[in-house]
Amino acid sequence: MLNQTAALDLMFQALADPSRRSMVERLSRGPASVSELAKPLTMSLPAVVQHLQVLENSGLIRTEKIGRVRTCHIDWVAMKTAEQWMDERRKSWELRLDRLGDFLASEDNH
């Protein structure tokens, strides 16, 4: 559990930055080279590479270098892990809110 918590911490820390979220959003549509990811951003290529390293270290993306081109891909298994964690939180809160709604409805009937 601690290992999963540490992995989730890295993922959410990586996603805390708007530039990295933008890169992940772009990669959700398919693989892209580093230069393709850098085009819409107002930062230097070395800064983009640093952001990509954070995403790769978090496990959210993976990269492969073929010749001189480094291509980035989303790691969907890692994304699924984060999605499952959020879904568990959502279900927990829905249950609590349903119970609160039931309680308030029963108070109205008395």
N, C-alpha and C. Protein backbone atom coordinates (compact mmCIF):
# COMPACT_ATOMS: atom_id res chain seq x y z
N MET A 1 0.82 -1.20 0.00
CA MET A 1 0.00 0.00 0.00
C MET A 1 0.86 1.26 0.00
N LEU A 2 1.96 1.23 0.79
CA LEU A 2 2.85 2.38 0.85
C LEU A 2 3.48 2.65 -0.51
N ASN A 3 3.85 1.58 -1.21
CA ASN A 3 4.42 1.74 -2.55
C ASN A 3 3.43 2.41 -3.49
N GLN A 4 2.16 1.99 -3.42
CA GLN A 4 1.14 2.59 -4.27
C GLN A 4 0.91 4.04 -3.89
N THR A 5 0.96 4.34 -2.59
CA THR A 5 0.79 5.71 -2.14
C THR A 5 1.91 6.59 -2.67
N ALA A 6 3.13 6.11 -2.61
CA ALA A 6 4.27 6.88 -3.13
C ALA A 6 4.13 7.10 -4.63
N ALA A 7 3.69 6.08 -5.35
CA ALA A 7 3.51 6.20 -6.79
C ALA A 7 2.42 7.22 -7.11
N LEU A 8 1.32 7.17 -6.37
CA LEU A 8 0.24 8.14 -6.59
C LEU A 8 0.71 9.55 -6.26
N ASP A 9 1.49 9.70 -5.20
CA ASP A 9 2.03 11.02 -4.86
C ASP A 9 2.83 11.59 -6.02
N LEU A 10 3.69 10.77 -6.61
CA LEU A 10 4.50 11.22 -7.75
C LEU A 10 3.62 11.61 -8.93
N MET A 11 2.58 10.82 -9.19
CA MET A 11 1.69 11.12 -10.31
C MET A 11 0.97 12.44 -10.12
N PHE A 12 0.39 12.63 -8.93
CA PHE A 12 -0.37 13.85 -8.69
C PHE A 12 0.54 15.07 -8.60
N GLN A 13 1.75 14.90 -8.08
CA GLN A 13 2.71 16.01 -8.08
C GLN A 13 3.07 16.40 -9.51
N ALA A 14 3.25 15.40 -10.36
CA ALA A 14 3.57 15.68 -11.76
C ALA A 14 2.41 16.41 -12.45
N LEU A 15 1.19 16.01 -12.13
CA LEU A 15 0.02 16.62 -12.77
C LEU A 15 -0.35 17.97 -12.17
N ALA A 16 0.33 18.38 -11.10
CA ALA A 16 0.03 19.66 -10.47
C ALA A 16 0.46 20.84 -11.34
N ASP A 17 1.34 20.60 -12.30
CA ASP A 17 1.83 21.67 -13.16
C ASP A 17 0.99 21.77 -14.43
N PRO A 18 0.50 22.97 -14.79
CA PRO A 18 -0.35 23.11 -15.98
C PRO A 18 0.35 22.74 -17.29
N SER A 19 1.64 22.99 -17.39
CA SER A 19 2.36 22.61 -18.62
C SER A 19 2.41 21.10 -18.77
N ARG A 20 2.65 20.41 -17.67
CA ARG A 20 2.69 18.94 -17.74
C ARG A 20 1.30 18.38 -18.03
N ARG A 21 0.26 18.98 -17.44
CA ARG A 21 -1.11 18.52 -17.76
C ARG A 21 -1.40 18.72 -19.24
N SER A 22 -0.93 19.82 -19.80
CA SER A 22 -1.11 20.08 -21.22
C SER A 22 -0.42 19.00 -22.07
N MET A 23 0.77 18.61 -21.66
CA MET A 23 1.49 17.55 -22.38
C MET A 23 0.75 16.23 -22.29
N VAL A 24 0.24 15.91 -21.11
CA VAL A 24 -0.52 14.67 -20.93
C VAL A 24 -1.79 14.71 -21.78
N GLU A 25 -2.45 15.87 -21.80
CA GLU A 25 -3.66 16.02 -22.62
C GLU A 25 -3.33 15.75 -24.08
N ARG A 26 -2.24 16.30 -24.57
CA ARG A 26 -1.84 16.07 -25.96
C ARG A 26 -1.53 14.59 -26.19
N LEU A 27 -0.82 13.98 -25.25
CA LEU A 27 -0.45 12.56 -25.40
C LEU A 27 -1.66 11.64 -25.30
N SER A 28 -2.74 12.11 -24.71
CA SER A 28 -3.95 11.28 -24.63
C SER A 28 -4.54 11.03 -26.02
N ARG A 29 -4.15 11.85 -26.98
CA ARG A 29 -4.61 11.67 -28.37
C ARG A 29 -3.66 10.80 -29.18
N GLY A 30 -2.52 10.42 -28.58
CA GLY A 30 -1.57 9.56 -29.27
C GLY A 30 -0.14 9.99 -29.02
N PRO A 31 0.81 9.15 -29.40
CA PRO A 31 2.22 9.46 -29.18
C PRO A 31 2.63 10.76 -29.88
N ALA A 32 3.66 11.40 -29.33
CA ALA A 32 4.18 12.63 -29.92
C ALA A 32 5.66 12.75 -29.60
N SER A 33 6.37 13.41 -30.50
CA SER A 33 7.79 13.66 -30.26
C SER A 33 7.93 14.82 -29.28
N VAL A 34 9.12 14.94 -28.72
CA VAL A 34 9.39 16.03 -27.79
C VAL A 34 9.17 17.37 -28.48
N SER A 35 9.63 17.50 -29.71
CA SER A 35 9.46 18.78 -30.42
C SER A 35 7.99 19.08 -30.69
N GLU A 36 7.18 18.06 -30.97
CA GLU A 36 5.74 18.27 -31.16
C GLU A 36 5.09 18.76 -29.87
N LEU A 37 5.51 18.19 -28.75
CA LEU A 37 4.96 18.60 -27.46
C LEU A 37 5.40 20.01 -27.10
N ALA A 38 6.58 20.41 -27.56
CA ALA A 38 7.12 21.73 -27.22
C ALA A 38 6.47 22.85 -28.02
N LYS A 39 5.98 22.56 -29.23
CA LYS A 39 5.46 23.61 -30.12
C LYS A 39 4.46 24.55 -29.46
N PRO A 40 3.40 24.06 -28.83
CA PRO A 40 2.40 25.00 -28.30
C PRO A 40 2.81 25.67 -26.98
N LEU A 41 3.92 25.26 -26.42
CA LEU A 41 4.33 25.79 -25.12
C LEU A 41 5.30 26.96 -25.27
N THR A 42 5.23 27.89 -24.35
CA THR A 42 6.11 29.05 -24.39
C THR A 42 7.29 28.83 -23.44
N MET A 43 8.08 27.80 -23.75
CA MET A 43 9.27 27.52 -22.94
C MET A 43 10.32 26.89 -23.83
N SER A 44 11.53 26.89 -23.34
CA SER A 44 12.65 26.33 -24.10
C SER A 44 12.53 24.81 -24.19
N LEU A 45 13.20 24.25 -25.17
CA LEU A 45 13.21 22.80 -25.33
C LEU A 45 13.80 22.10 -24.10
N PRO A 46 14.90 22.61 -23.52
CA PRO A 46 15.40 21.98 -22.29
C PRO A 46 14.38 21.98 -21.15
N ALA A 47 13.58 23.04 -21.05
CA ALA A 47 12.54 23.09 -20.01
C ALA A 47 11.47 22.04 -20.28
N VAL A 48 11.11 21.87 -21.54
CA VAL A 48 10.13 20.84 -21.91
C VAL A 48 10.67 19.46 -21.54
N VAL A 49 11.94 19.22 -21.83
CA VAL A 49 12.57 17.93 -21.51
C VAL A 49 12.53 17.69 -20.00
N GLN A 50 12.78 18.72 -19.21
CA GLN A 50 12.72 18.57 -17.75
C GLN A 50 11.30 18.18 -17.30
N HIS A 51 10.30 18.83 -17.88
CA HIS A 51 8.91 18.49 -17.54
C HIS A 51 8.60 17.05 -17.93
N LEU A 52 9.08 16.64 -19.09
CA LEU A 52 8.85 15.26 -19.53
C LEU A 52 9.55 14.26 -18.62
N GLN A 53 10.71 14.62 -18.10
CA GLN A 53 11.40 13.73 -17.16
C GLN A 53 10.59 13.56 -15.88
N VAL A 54 9.96 14.64 -15.42
CA VAL A 54 9.10 14.54 -14.23
C VAL A 54 7.94 13.60 -14.52
N LEU A 55 7.32 13.75 -15.69
CA LEU A 55 6.20 12.87 -16.06
C LEU A 55 6.66 11.42 -16.19
N GLU A 56 7.84 11.22 -16.76
CA GLU A 56 8.35 9.85 -16.92
C GLU A 56 8.72 9.25 -15.56
N ASN A 57 9.34 10.04 -14.70
CA ASN A 57 9.70 9.55 -13.36
C ASN A 57 8.47 9.22 -12.53
N SER A 58 7.36 9.89 -12.82
CA SER A 58 6.12 9.62 -12.09
C SER A 58 5.43 8.37 -12.61
N GLY A 59 5.86 7.90 -13.78
CA GLY A 59 5.25 6.71 -14.37
C GLY A 59 4.09 7.02 -15.31
N LEU A 60 3.74 8.29 -15.46
CA LEU A 60 2.59 8.64 -16.29
C LEU A 60 2.86 8.50 -17.79
N ILE A 61 4.11 8.71 -18.17
CA ILE A 61 4.47 8.54 -19.58
C ILE A 61 5.72 7.69 -19.68
N ARG A 62 5.96 7.21 -20.88
CA ARG A 62 7.22 6.53 -21.17
C ARG A 62 7.73 7.10 -22.49
N THR A 63 9.02 7.05 -22.65
CA THR A 63 9.61 7.58 -23.88
C THR A 63 10.49 6.53 -24.52
N GLU A 64 10.66 6.67 -25.82
CA GLU A 64 11.58 5.79 -26.54
C GLU A 64 12.30 6.64 -27.58
N LYS A 65 13.56 6.35 -27.74
CA LYS A 65 14.36 7.10 -28.70
C LYS A 65 14.67 6.20 -29.88
N ILE A 66 14.28 6.67 -31.05
CA ILE A 66 14.58 5.96 -32.29
C ILE A 66 15.35 6.94 -33.16
N GLY A 67 16.62 6.64 -33.37
CA GLY A 67 17.47 7.59 -34.09
C GLY A 67 17.64 8.85 -33.26
N ARG A 68 17.29 9.97 -33.85
CA ARG A 68 17.43 11.25 -33.14
C ARG A 68 16.11 11.74 -32.56
N VAL A 69 15.06 10.96 -32.72
CA VAL A 69 13.72 11.41 -32.27
C VAL A 69 13.31 10.65 -31.02
N ARG A 70 12.96 11.40 -29.98
CA ARG A 70 12.42 10.82 -28.75
C ARG A 70 10.90 10.97 -28.81
N THR A 71 10.20 9.84 -28.74
CA THR A 71 8.74 9.83 -28.80
C THR A 71 8.18 9.49 -27.43
N CYS A 72 7.13 10.20 -27.05
CA CYS A 72 6.50 10.03 -25.74
C CYS A 72 5.14 9.36 -25.91
N HIS A 73 4.80 8.51 -24.95
CA HIS A 73 3.53 7.79 -24.93
C HIS A 73 2.98 7.84 -23.52
N ILE A 74 1.67 7.86 -23.40
CA ILE A 74 1.05 7.75 -22.07
C ILE A 74 1.17 6.30 -21.61
N ASP A 75 1.42 6.12 -20.33
CA ASP A 75 1.38 4.79 -19.73
C ASP A 75 -0.03 4.62 -19.16
N TRP A 76 -0.86 3.91 -19.90
CA TRP A 76 -2.27 3.81 -19.52
C TRP A 76 -2.48 3.01 -18.24
N VAL A 77 -1.55 2.12 -17.90
CA VAL A 77 -1.67 1.36 -16.65
C VAL A 77 -1.55 2.33 -15.47
N ALA A 78 -0.59 3.25 -15.54
CA ALA A 78 -0.44 4.24 -14.47
C ALA A 78 -1.67 5.14 -14.40
N MET A 79 -2.18 5.55 -15.54
CA MET A 79 -3.38 6.39 -15.56
C MET A 79 -4.55 5.66 -14.92
N LYS A 80 -4.66 4.37 -15.20
CA LYS A 80 -5.74 3.57 -14.63
C LYS A 80 -5.61 3.49 -13.11
N THR A 81 -4.38 3.40 -12.61
CA THR A 81 -4.15 3.37 -11.17
C THR A 81 -4.67 4.65 -10.52
N ALA A 82 -4.34 5.79 -11.11
CA ALA A 82 -4.82 7.08 -10.59
C ALA A 82 -6.34 7.17 -10.69
N GLU A 83 -6.88 6.70 -11.81
CA GLU A 83 -8.33 6.73 -12.00
C GLU A 83 -9.04 5.86 -10.95
N GLN A 84 -8.50 4.69 -10.67
CA GLN A 84 -9.11 3.81 -9.66
C GLN A 84 -9.08 4.46 -8.28
N TRP A 85 -7.97 5.12 -7.94
CA TRP A 85 -7.87 5.79 -6.65
C TRP A 85 -8.93 6.88 -6.54
N MET A 86 -9.07 7.68 -7.60
CA MET A 86 -10.07 8.75 -7.58
C MET A 86 -11.48 8.18 -7.54
N ASP A 87 -11.71 7.09 -8.24
CA ASP A 87 -13.03 6.46 -8.25
C ASP A 87 -13.40 5.95 -6.86
N GLU A 88 -12.43 5.38 -6.14
CA GLU A 88 -12.69 4.93 -4.77
C GLU A 88 -13.08 6.10 -3.88
N ARG A 89 -12.40 7.23 -4.03
CA ARG A 89 -12.74 8.42 -3.24
C ARG A 89 -14.14 8.91 -3.60
N ARG A 90 -14.45 8.92 -4.90
CA ARG A 90 -15.77 9.38 -5.36
C ARG A 90 -16.87 8.50 -4.78
N LYS A 91 -16.69 7.19 -4.83
CA LYS A 91 -17.70 6.27 -4.30
C LYS A 91 -17.90 6.48 -2.81
N SER A 92 -16.81 6.69 -2.10
CA SER A 92 -16.89 6.92 -0.66
C SER A 92 -17.71 8.17 -0.36
N TRP A 93 -17.43 9.24 -1.09
CA TRP A 93 -18.17 10.49 -0.85
C TRP A 93 -19.62 10.38 -1.30
N GLU A 94 -19.88 9.68 -2.38
CA GLU A 94 -21.27 9.49 -2.81
C GLU A 94 -22.06 8.75 -1.75
N LEU A 95 -21.46 7.72 -1.15
CA LEU A 95 -22.13 6.97 -0.09
C LEU A 95 -22.43 7.87 1.09
N ARG A 96 -21.46 8.67 1.49
CA ARG A 96 -21.67 9.60 2.61
C ARG A 96 -22.77 10.61 2.31
N LEU A 97 -22.75 11.15 1.11
CA LEU A 97 -23.77 12.14 0.75
C LEU A 97 -25.15 11.50 0.64
N ASP A 98 -25.21 10.26 0.15
CA ASP A 98 -26.49 9.55 0.11
C ASP A 98 -27.04 9.35 1.52
N ARG A 99 -26.16 8.96 2.45
CA ARG A 99 -26.61 8.78 3.83
C ARG A 99 -27.08 10.10 4.44
N LEU A 100 -26.36 11.17 4.15
CA LEU A 100 -26.78 12.49 4.64
C LEU A 100 -28.13 12.87 4.05
N GLY A 101 -28.31 12.61 2.77
CA GLY A 101 -29.59 12.90 2.12
C GLY A 101 -30.72 12.10 2.75
N ASP A 102 -30.48 10.82 3.02
CA ASP A 102 -31.49 9.98 3.67
C ASP A 102 -31.81 10.51 5.06
N PHE A 103 -30.79 10.91 5.81
CA PHE A 103 -31.01 11.45 7.15
C PHE A 103 -31.83 12.73 7.09
N LEU A 104 -31.47 13.62 6.19
CA LEU A 104 -32.20 14.89 6.08
C LEU A 104 -33.65 14.66 5.64
N ALA A 105 -33.85 13.70 4.75
CA ALA A 105 -35.21 13.39 4.31
C ALA A 105 -36.03 12.81 5.46
N SER A 106 -35.42 11.97 6.29
CA SER A 106 -36.15 11.40 7.43
C SER A 106 -36.46 12.47 8.47
N GLU A 107 -35.59 13.46 8.62
CA GLU A 107 -35.83 14.56 9.56
C GLU A 107 -37.00 15.41 9.07
N ASP A 108 -37.13 15.57 7.76
CA ASP A 108 -38.24 16.35 7.20
C ASP A 108 -39.57 15.66 7.45
N ASN A 109 -39.56 14.33 7.53
CA ASN A 109 -40.79 13.57 7.74
C ASN A 109 -41.21 13.54 9.20
N HIS A 110 -40.38 13.99 10.10
CA HIS A 110 -40.73 13.96 11.53
C HIS A 110 -41.12 15.28 12.03
